[in-house]
Protein backbone atom coordinates (compact mmCIF):
# COMPACT_ATOMS: atom_id res chain seq x y z
CA MET A 1 0.00 0.00 0.00
CA ASN A 2 1.58 3.26 -1.17
CA THR A 3 1.49 6.05 1.42
CA SER A 4 4.70 7.78 0.32
CA VAL A 5 2.94 10.67 -1.40
CA PHE A 6 1.33 11.65 1.92
CA GLU A 7 4.52 11.18 3.91
CA ASN A 8 6.66 13.08 1.41
CA TYR A 9 4.38 15.99 0.56
CA GLU A 10 1.66 16.40 3.21
CA SER A 11 2.39 18.57 6.23
CA GLU A 12 3.48 17.05 9.52
CA VAL A 13 0.27 18.49 10.99
CA ARG A 14 -1.67 15.45 9.75
CA SER A 15 -2.96 13.40 12.66
CA TYR A 16 -5.78 10.88 12.21
CA CYS A 17 -3.96 9.11 9.39
CA ARG A 18 -1.17 8.28 11.82
CA HIS A 19 -3.66 6.27 13.89
CA PHE A 20 -5.29 4.54 10.93
CA PRO A 21 -2.35 3.64 8.66
CA THR A 22 -4.10 2.47 5.53
CA VAL A 23 -5.44 4.12 2.38
CA PHE A 24 -9.23 4.18 2.33
CA LYS A 25 -11.14 3.97 -0.92
CA GLN A 26 -14.85 3.53 -0.11
CA SER A 27 -17.30 3.96 2.74
CA VAL A 28 -20.78 2.50 3.05
CA GLY A 29 -23.14 2.67 6.00
CA SER A 30 -21.08 1.82 9.09
CA TYR A 31 -17.96 0.69 7.23
CA PHE A 32 -14.78 2.00 5.64
CA ILE A 33 -13.08 -0.08 2.93
CA ASP A 34 -9.41 0.37 2.11
CA GLU A 35 -7.80 -0.01 -1.30
CA ASN A 36 -6.90 -3.63 -0.50
CA GLY A 37 -10.56 -4.41 0.05
CA ARG A 38 -10.41 -4.78 3.85
CA LYS A 39 -13.49 -3.56 5.72
CA TYR A 40 -13.29 -1.60 8.96
CA LEU A 41 -16.27 -0.99 11.20
CA ASP A 42 -16.50 2.72 12.00
CA PHE A 43 -16.85 3.82 15.63
CA PHE A 44 -15.30 7.21 14.77
CA CYS A 45 -18.03 8.59 12.50
CA GLY A 46 -15.97 11.42 11.02
CA ALA A 47 -15.62 12.89 14.53
CA GLY A 48 -19.41 13.08 14.52
CA ALA A 49 -19.85 14.40 10.97
CA VAL A 50 -21.60 11.38 9.43
CA ASN A 51 -24.32 10.53 11.95
CA TYR A 52 -26.59 9.19 9.20
CA GLY A 53 -23.94 6.80 7.89
CA HIS A 54 -21.48 6.84 5.02
CA ASN A 55 -23.08 7.43 1.61
CA ASN A 56 -26.60 7.30 3.01
CA PRO A 57 -28.54 6.25 -0.11
CA GLU A 58 -31.57 8.47 0.50
CA ILE A 59 -29.48 11.60 0.98
CA LYS A 60 -27.16 10.65 -1.88
CA ALA A 61 -30.07 10.32 -4.31
CA LYS A 62 -31.18 13.88 -3.59
CA LEU A 63 -27.64 15.18 -4.06
CA ILE A 64 -27.25 13.40 -7.39
CA ASP A 65 -30.59 14.70 -8.59
CA TYR A 66 -29.61 18.25 -7.64
CA LEU A 67 -26.28 17.99 -9.47
CA MET A 68 -27.82 16.42 -12.57
CA ASN A 69 -30.25 19.34 -12.80
CA ASP A 70 -27.47 21.95 -12.70
CA GLY A 71 -28.33 23.15 -9.23
CA ILE A 72 -26.38 26.21 -8.13
CA ILE A 73 -23.20 25.28 -6.25
CA HIS A 74 -21.82 28.53 -4.88
CA ALA A 75 -23.77 31.65 -3.97
CA LEU A 76 -22.14 33.30 -0.93
CA ASP A 77 -25.17 34.32 1.17
CA MET A 78 -27.53 35.04 -1.72
CA TYR A 79 -31.06 33.70 -1.68
CA THR A 80 -31.28 30.19 -3.16
CA VAL A 81 -33.84 27.41 -3.25
CA PRO A 82 -31.67 24.97 -1.23
CA LYS A 83 -31.09 27.57 1.51
CA ARG A 84 -34.79 28.39 1.68
CA GLU A 85 -35.76 24.73 1.93
CA PHE A 86 -33.20 24.05 4.64
CA ILE A 87 -34.27 27.08 6.70
CA GLU A 88 -37.94 26.14 6.39
CA THR A 89 -37.24 22.56 7.44
CA LEU A 90 -35.08 23.55 10.40
CA GLU A 91 -37.57 26.13 11.66
CA GLU A 92 -40.81 24.22 11.04
CA LYS A 93 -39.74 20.65 11.80
CA ILE A 94 -36.98 21.04 14.37
CA LEU A 95 -37.08 24.35 16.24
CA LYS A 96 -40.78 25.18 16.56
CA PRO A 97 -41.86 21.67 17.67
CA ARG A 98 -39.28 21.98 20.46
CA GLY A 99 -40.52 25.39 21.51
CA LEU A 100 -37.37 27.14 20.26
CA ASP A 101 -37.34 30.56 18.61
CA TYR A 102 -33.95 31.18 17.01
CA LYS A 103 -32.59 33.22 14.13
CA ILE A 104 -30.19 31.24 11.92
CA MET A 105 -26.75 32.46 10.93
CA PHE A 106 -24.45 30.73 8.45
CA PRO A 107 -20.98 31.79 9.64
CA GLY A 108 -18.71 29.50 7.62
CA PRO A 109 -18.21 25.79 6.99
CA THR A 110 -16.93 24.39 10.30
CA GLY A 111 -17.70 24.27 14.00
CA THR A 112 -15.02 26.74 14.97
CA ASN A 113 -16.65 29.27 12.61
CA ALA A 114 -19.92 28.87 14.48
CA ASN A 115 -18.19 29.46 17.81
CA GLU A 116 -16.21 32.45 16.53
CA ALA A 117 -19.50 34.04 15.46
CA ALA A 118 -21.04 33.28 18.86
CA LEU A 119 -18.08 34.89 20.63
CA LYS A 120 -18.26 38.03 18.51
CA LEU A 121 -22.01 38.34 18.86
CA ALA A 122 -22.00 37.83 22.65
CA ARG A 123 -19.32 40.48 23.13
CA LYS A 124 -21.07 42.86 20.74
CA VAL A 125 -24.45 42.50 22.45
CA LYS A 126 -23.23 42.65 26.06
CA LYS A 127 -20.36 45.08 25.42
CA ARG A 128 -18.01 42.98 27.56
CA GLN A 129 -14.77 41.33 26.52
CA ASN A 130 -14.48 38.47 29.01
CA VAL A 131 -16.23 35.10 28.66
CA PHE A 132 -16.44 32.09 30.95
CA ALA A 133 -15.62 28.60 29.68
CA LEU A 134 -15.12 25.25 31.40
CA MET A 135 -11.93 23.32 31.97
CA GLY A 136 -11.99 20.27 29.73
CA ALA A 137 -13.64 22.21 26.91
CA PHE A 138 -12.98 21.96 23.21
CA HIS A 139 -14.54 24.64 20.99
CA GLY A 140 -12.22 24.86 17.98
CA MET A 141 -8.75 25.65 16.69
CA THR A 142 -9.01 29.21 15.36
CA LEU A 143 -7.83 31.91 17.76
CA GLY A 144 -11.14 32.90 19.32
CA SER A 145 -12.40 29.34 19.72
CA LEU A 146 -8.94 28.19 20.78
CA ALA A 147 -8.96 30.79 23.56
CA ILE A 148 -11.92 28.94 25.13
CA THR A 149 -10.40 25.50 24.51
CA THR A 150 -8.28 24.05 27.32
CA ASP A 151 -6.20 21.32 25.71
CA LYS A 152 -2.59 22.29 26.39
CA SER A 153 -1.08 21.04 23.14
CA SER A 154 -3.75 22.73 21.02
CA ARG A 155 -3.28 26.04 22.80
CA ALA A 156 0.50 25.81 22.38
CA GLY A 157 0.07 26.03 18.63
CA ALA A 158 -1.47 29.51 18.73
CA GLY A 159 1.81 31.41 18.94
CA VAL A 160 0.11 34.39 20.58
CA PRO A 161 -1.57 35.02 23.93
CA LEU A 162 -5.08 33.55 24.21
CA GLN A 163 -6.98 36.09 26.25
CA ASN A 164 -10.33 37.39 27.48
CA VAL A 165 -11.52 34.11 29.00
CA THR A 166 -11.85 32.87 32.57
CA PHE A 167 -11.80 29.08 32.94
CA ILE A 168 -14.16 27.55 35.47
CA PRO A 169 -13.57 24.06 36.90
CA ALA A 170 -15.97 21.62 35.27
CA PRO A 171 -18.45 20.19 37.80
CA TYR A 172 -16.89 16.70 37.71
CA MET A 173 -13.40 17.96 38.59
CA PHE A 174 -13.99 18.89 42.22
CA PRO A 175 -17.17 17.24 43.53
CA GLN A 176 -16.95 19.26 46.74
CA LEU A 177 -16.92 22.57 44.81
CA ASP A 178 -20.23 24.13 43.79
CA THR A 179 -19.14 25.58 40.46
CA VAL A 180 -22.27 27.70 40.09
CA GLU A 181 -21.66 29.34 43.47
CA TYR A 182 -18.02 29.74 42.48
CA MET A 183 -18.98 31.67 39.32
CA GLN A 184 -21.37 33.82 41.34
CA ARG A 185 -18.58 34.61 43.80
CA LEU A 186 -16.25 35.62 40.96
CA ILE A 187 -18.83 38.12 39.76
CA ASP A 188 -19.86 39.47 43.17
CA ASP A 189 -16.45 39.70 44.85
CA ASP A 190 -14.80 43.05 44.09
CA HIS A 191 -11.45 41.40 44.80
CA SER A 192 -11.86 38.37 42.52
CA GLY A 193 -9.86 40.05 39.76
CA VAL A 194 -12.32 38.64 37.22
CA ASP A 195 -14.36 40.76 34.83
CA LYS A 196 -18.03 39.95 34.41
CA PRO A 197 -18.38 37.85 31.26
CA ALA A 198 -20.52 38.42 28.20
CA ALA A 199 -21.27 34.72 27.97
CA LEU A 200 -20.71 31.29 29.45
CA PHE A 201 -19.73 28.67 26.88
CA ILE A 202 -20.47 25.02 27.68
CA GLU A 203 -20.83 21.61 26.08
CA THR A 204 -23.54 19.65 27.90
CA ILE A 205 -21.41 16.58 27.19
CA GLN A 206 -17.69 17.28 26.98
CA ALA A 207 -16.64 14.97 24.18
CA GLU A 208 -12.94 15.73 23.76
CA GLY A 209 -12.84 16.31 27.52
CA GLY A 210 -13.42 12.58 28.07
CA ILE A 211 -17.17 12.01 27.55
CA GLN A 212 -18.18 13.96 30.63
CA VAL A 213 -21.99 14.15 30.87
CA PHE A 214 -23.24 17.11 32.91
CA GLU A 215 -26.14 16.53 35.26
CA ILE A 216 -29.56 18.00 34.54
CA ASP A 217 -29.68 19.88 37.84
CA TRP A 218 -26.36 21.58 37.08
CA LEU A 219 -27.53 22.61 33.62
CA LYS A 220 -30.72 24.10 35.06
CA ARG A 221 -28.75 26.01 37.69
CA VAL A 222 -26.37 27.33 35.05
CA ARG A 223 -29.33 28.60 33.02
CA LYS A 224 -30.66 30.42 36.09
CA PHE A 225 -27.20 31.79 36.92
CA CYS A 226 -26.94 33.32 33.46
CA ASP A 227 -30.45 34.76 33.68
CA ASP A 228 -29.81 36.26 37.11
CA ASN A 229 -26.57 37.91 36.01
CA ASP A 230 -27.37 39.11 32.48
CA ILE A 231 -24.94 36.61 30.93
CA LEU A 232 -25.59 34.75 27.68
CA LEU A 233 -25.59 30.96 27.84
CA VAL A 234 -23.95 29.44 24.77
CA VAL A 235 -24.23 25.69 24.16
CA ASP A 236 -21.73 24.15 21.75
CA ASP A 237 -23.62 21.28 20.11
CA VAL A 238 -21.13 20.85 17.27
CA GLN A 239 -20.27 17.25 18.18
CA VAL A 240 -23.07 16.05 20.44
CA GLY A 241 -25.99 17.63 18.58
CA CYS A 242 -27.99 16.11 15.70
CA CYS A 243 -29.35 13.29 17.90
CA ARG A 244 -25.94 12.07 19.12
CA SER A 245 -27.09 12.33 22.76
CA GLY A 246 -30.51 10.80 22.04
CA ASP A 247 -32.28 14.13 21.50
CA PHE A 248 -31.70 16.38 18.52
CA PHE A 249 -30.22 19.03 20.82
CA SER A 250 -28.15 17.78 23.74
CA PHE A 251 -29.69 20.35 26.12
CA GLN A 252 -33.26 19.10 25.63
CA ARG A 253 -32.94 16.61 28.49
CA ALA A 254 -32.57 19.54 30.91
CA ASP A 255 -35.53 21.45 29.46
CA ILE A 256 -33.47 24.62 29.06
CA GLN A 257 -33.13 27.10 26.22
CA PRO A 258 -29.66 28.49 25.54
CA ASP A 259 -29.35 32.02 24.23
CA ILE A 260 -26.99 30.84 21.49
CA VAL A 261 -26.44 27.35 20.05
CA THR A 262 -23.61 26.37 17.73
CA MET A 263 -23.79 23.37 15.39
CA SER A 264 -21.75 21.84 12.59
CA LYS A 265 -20.54 18.31 11.71
CA SER A 266 -23.72 16.26 11.07
CA ILE A 267 -25.90 19.29 10.44
CA GLY A 268 -24.32 18.96 6.95
CA GLY A 269 -26.27 15.73 6.48
CA TYR A 270 -23.72 13.83 4.42
CA GLY A 271 -20.42 14.88 5.90
CA PHE A 272 -20.55 18.11 3.91
CA PRO A 273 -19.15 21.34 5.42
CA LEU A 274 -21.89 23.40 7.05
CA ALA A 275 -22.15 25.28 10.34
CA ILE A 276 -24.91 27.30 11.92
CA THR A 277 -25.10 29.69 14.84
CA LEU A 278 -28.58 29.92 16.33
CA PHE A 279 -29.56 32.78 18.61
CA LYS A 280 -32.60 34.38 20.14
CA PRO A 281 -34.09 37.06 17.85
CA GLU A 282 -33.39 39.92 20.26
CA LEU A 283 -29.66 39.17 19.98
CA ASP A 284 -29.57 39.74 16.22
CA LYS A 285 -27.58 42.96 16.37
CA TRP A 286 -25.36 42.28 13.35
CA THR A 287 -25.03 44.87 10.63
CA PRO A 288 -25.01 43.54 7.03
CA GLY A 289 -21.69 41.90 6.23
CA GLU A 290 -20.27 42.50 9.71
CA HIS A 291 -19.34 38.81 9.89
CA ASN A 292 -18.98 36.96 6.62
CA GLY A 293 -17.05 34.38 4.63
CA THR A 294 -16.84 33.09 1.07
CA PHE A 295 -18.15 29.64 1.98
CA ARG A 296 -20.90 30.54 4.41
CA GLY A 297 -23.53 29.02 2.15
CA ASN A 298 -22.52 25.63 0.76
CA GLN A 299 -25.41 24.79 -1.52
CA LEU A 300 -24.73 21.04 -1.70
CA ALA A 301 -24.56 21.03 2.09
CA PHE A 302 -27.96 22.76 2.24
CA VAL A 303 -29.43 20.01 0.04
CA ALA A 304 -27.83 17.28 2.16
CA ALA A 305 -28.72 19.02 5.42
CA LYS A 306 -32.42 19.21 4.55
CA ALA A 307 -32.35 15.61 3.37
CA GLY A 308 -30.60 14.62 6.59
CA LEU A 309 -33.24 16.29 8.75
CA ASP A 310 -36.02 14.64 6.74
CA TYR A 311 -34.28 11.27 7.04
CA MET A 312 -33.79 11.75 10.78
CA LEU A 313 -37.47 12.50 11.33
CA GLU A 314 -38.86 9.83 9.00
CA ASN A 315 -36.69 7.12 10.55
CA LYS A 316 -37.19 8.27 14.15
CA ILE A 317 -33.44 8.45 14.73
CA GLU A 318 -33.87 9.94 18.22
CA ASP A 319 -35.78 6.83 19.31
CA GLN A 320 -33.23 4.56 17.62
CA VAL A 321 -30.38 6.22 19.50
CA LYS A 322 -32.10 5.86 22.85
CA ALA A 323 -32.70 2.15 22.22
CA LYS A 324 -29.14 1.53 21.04
CA SER A 325 -27.76 3.50 23.99
CA LYS A 326 -29.15 0.85 26.33
CA ILE A 327 -27.48 -1.88 24.27
CA VAL A 328 -24.12 -0.11 24.52
CA GLU A 329 -24.40 0.55 28.23
CA ASP A 330 -25.43 -3.03 28.99
CA PHE A 331 -22.62 -4.56 26.92
CA LEU A 332 -19.88 -2.29 28.24
CA THR A 333 -21.04 -2.75 31.83
CA LYS A 334 -21.35 -6.52 31.66
CA GLU A 335 -18.61 -7.48 29.21
CA ILE A 336 -15.84 -4.87 29.37
CA LEU A 337 -15.80 -3.27 32.82
CA PRO A 338 -15.33 -6.67 34.53
CA ILE A 339 -12.05 -7.13 32.61
CA ASP A 340 -10.40 -4.75 35.10
CA SER A 341 -11.92 -3.15 38.19
CA ARG A 342 -10.06 0.10 37.49
CA LEU A 343 -12.00 0.83 34.29
CA GLN A 344 -14.73 3.48 34.31
CA LEU A 345 -17.64 4.11 31.96
CA ARG A 346 -19.35 7.35 30.97
CA GLY A 347 -21.76 8.29 28.23
CA ARG A 348 -25.19 8.94 26.85
CA GLY A 349 -26.98 8.22 23.58
CA LEU A 350 -24.37 6.95 21.15
CA ILE A 351 -21.34 8.67 22.61
CA TRP A 352 -19.57 6.63 25.28
CA GLY A 353 -16.12 6.55 26.81
CA ILE A 354 -14.13 3.85 28.59
CA GLU A 355 -11.69 5.50 31.00
CA PHE A 356 -8.29 3.81 31.38
CA ALA A 357 -6.59 6.45 33.55
CA GLY A 358 -6.92 4.22 36.61
CA ILE A 359 -4.43 1.75 35.15
CA PRO A 360 -0.95 3.31 35.52
CA VAL A 361 0.39 2.44 32.07
CA GLU A 362 1.41 5.33 29.84
CA GLY A 363 -0.41 5.43 26.50
CA LEU A 364 -2.65 2.47 27.36
CA ALA A 365 -5.74 3.81 25.58
CA ASP A 366 -3.60 4.55 22.50
CA LYS A 367 -2.40 0.93 22.48
CA ILE A 368 -5.99 -0.31 22.69
CA GLU A 369 -7.12 1.96 19.86
CA ALA A 370 -4.25 0.67 17.72
CA ARG A 371 -5.19 -2.93 18.50
CA CYS A 372 -8.82 -2.18 17.64
CA PHE A 373 -7.65 -0.96 14.24
CA GLU A 374 -5.64 -4.14 13.72
CA ASN A 375 -8.80 -6.07 14.58
CA GLY A 376 -10.94 -4.14 12.09
CA LEU A 377 -12.42 -1.26 14.10
CA ILE A 378 -11.80 2.46 13.71
CA ILE A 379 -12.04 4.22 17.06
CA GLU A 380 -10.39 7.29 18.62
CA GLY A 381 -9.40 8.57 22.02
CA ALA A 382 -10.34 11.55 24.16
CA GLY A 383 -9.85 13.01 27.62
CA ARG A 384 -6.88 13.98 29.73
CA LYS A 385 -3.70 12.41 28.32
CA ASN A 386 -5.96 10.70 25.77
CA SER A 387 -6.89 8.13 28.40
CA VAL A 388 -10.44 7.49 27.17
CA VAL A 389 -11.45 5.14 24.35
CA LYS A 390 -14.37 6.90 22.71
CA LEU A 391 -17.29 5.05 21.08
CA MET A 392 -19.11 7.16 18.50
CA PRO A 393 -20.64 4.98 15.76
CA PRO A 394 -23.04 6.19 13.06
CA LEU A 395 -26.53 6.56 14.49
CA ILE A 396 -27.94 4.27 11.80
CA ILE A 397 -25.67 1.38 12.82
CA THR A 398 -27.51 -1.94 13.14
CA GLU A 399 -27.67 -3.73 16.47
CA GLU A 400 -25.59 -6.54 14.98
CA GLU A 401 -22.87 -4.11 13.83
CA LEU A 402 -22.95 -2.35 17.17
CA THR A 403 -22.36 -5.62 19.00
CA GLU A 404 -19.68 -6.63 16.51
CA GLY A 405 -17.78 -3.41 17.21
CA MET A 406 -18.03 -3.79 20.97
CA GLU A 407 -16.82 -7.39 20.71
CA ILE A 408 -13.74 -6.06 18.92
CA ILE A 409 -13.18 -3.57 21.76
CA LYS A 410 -13.54 -6.35 24.32
CA LYS A 411 -11.08 -8.54 22.41
CA SER A 412 -8.60 -5.66 22.02
CA VAL A 413 -8.77 -4.61 25.68
CA SER A 414 -8.26 -8.19 26.82
CA GLU A 415 -5.31 -8.70 24.47
CA VAL A 416 -3.51 -5.51 25.44
CA LEU A 417 -4.02 -5.91 29.18
CA ALA A 418 -2.82 -9.52 28.97
CA GLU A 419 0.43 -8.28 27.43
CA LEU A 420 1.24 -5.81 30.22
């Protein structure tokens, strides 16, 4: 298998390919196929970008039809039929049935673009520079989003100071610390040295932070804290939105309404680049063109995004995820945790993490992920020191495929631990 062209000419910044050292040629449903014809079950899911499976036939048919009829491909933010149909579908079939009233902004093609727009808008509306974010957060790799991301190695790549953010301990870090009271103290204490923030940015499930699921009570208290202090609550649903947690929006389980919501990845329907920033109508203080970008309206992505939403609703994907979540939890609890008493399990919906930090072996989760790949499963890591093996399969995965993938994890964990 020839990988020399990548190694000779592609930048050293490449990363995922180092973990999955083969050349892929096709992808169908829950599988990748390399150029030698070997199939790999996918528990990576494009980092959450292909929730509806690889080359979903229903979405693909609509894309092909659009292309064959010379549908417009690039239009900046001009009015187009695909944009209109996506907006109508999102508003009428997703937002209004959930009691949500949001304006829709198309900031650019990726999740970090959505968060950059949210940062700018929050600061513009509240006329404050500081924001609060949580330790363990990942919000993107451009300078604004990177400033509210805590991963040390990612931040080191900025090359400039990352400012105007106060990091708050995540609620799981210090169980004895009431983080909501802590934030209130920072605001009220005239000797805290902390400026009142324009917004609080959170993920209701920290994915890159190690699959940390925040409790409903904490989310409700955070909503009240923001209301009481004139602070905007921003929920980053880039990775755990689009039904990944079991509900379309990850915050639905807490029955709260953020002021701003950011989405990308599977909102593009087919793995296409699309991001949206949703915000309450009274926050729409932008002037025309004040925040823009050449690719803030990917027309193929609009077609796929609408088709993805239709597919999600017609196939009751939310219900599917909730049912499959129980299968995952039961298998991991009964078949994998007993392998070693030091293992821990966290998750919700179809995003789960097995924590290996309790076993004092450097790079253990990395070794297990590599063994999974050798055994035919694509899976990635997360968390502090990459100590968590992260399960994130396509939402359309069959129960048989789901069990097959977890059997590979069980086999890989057992093999690696036996070799220690």
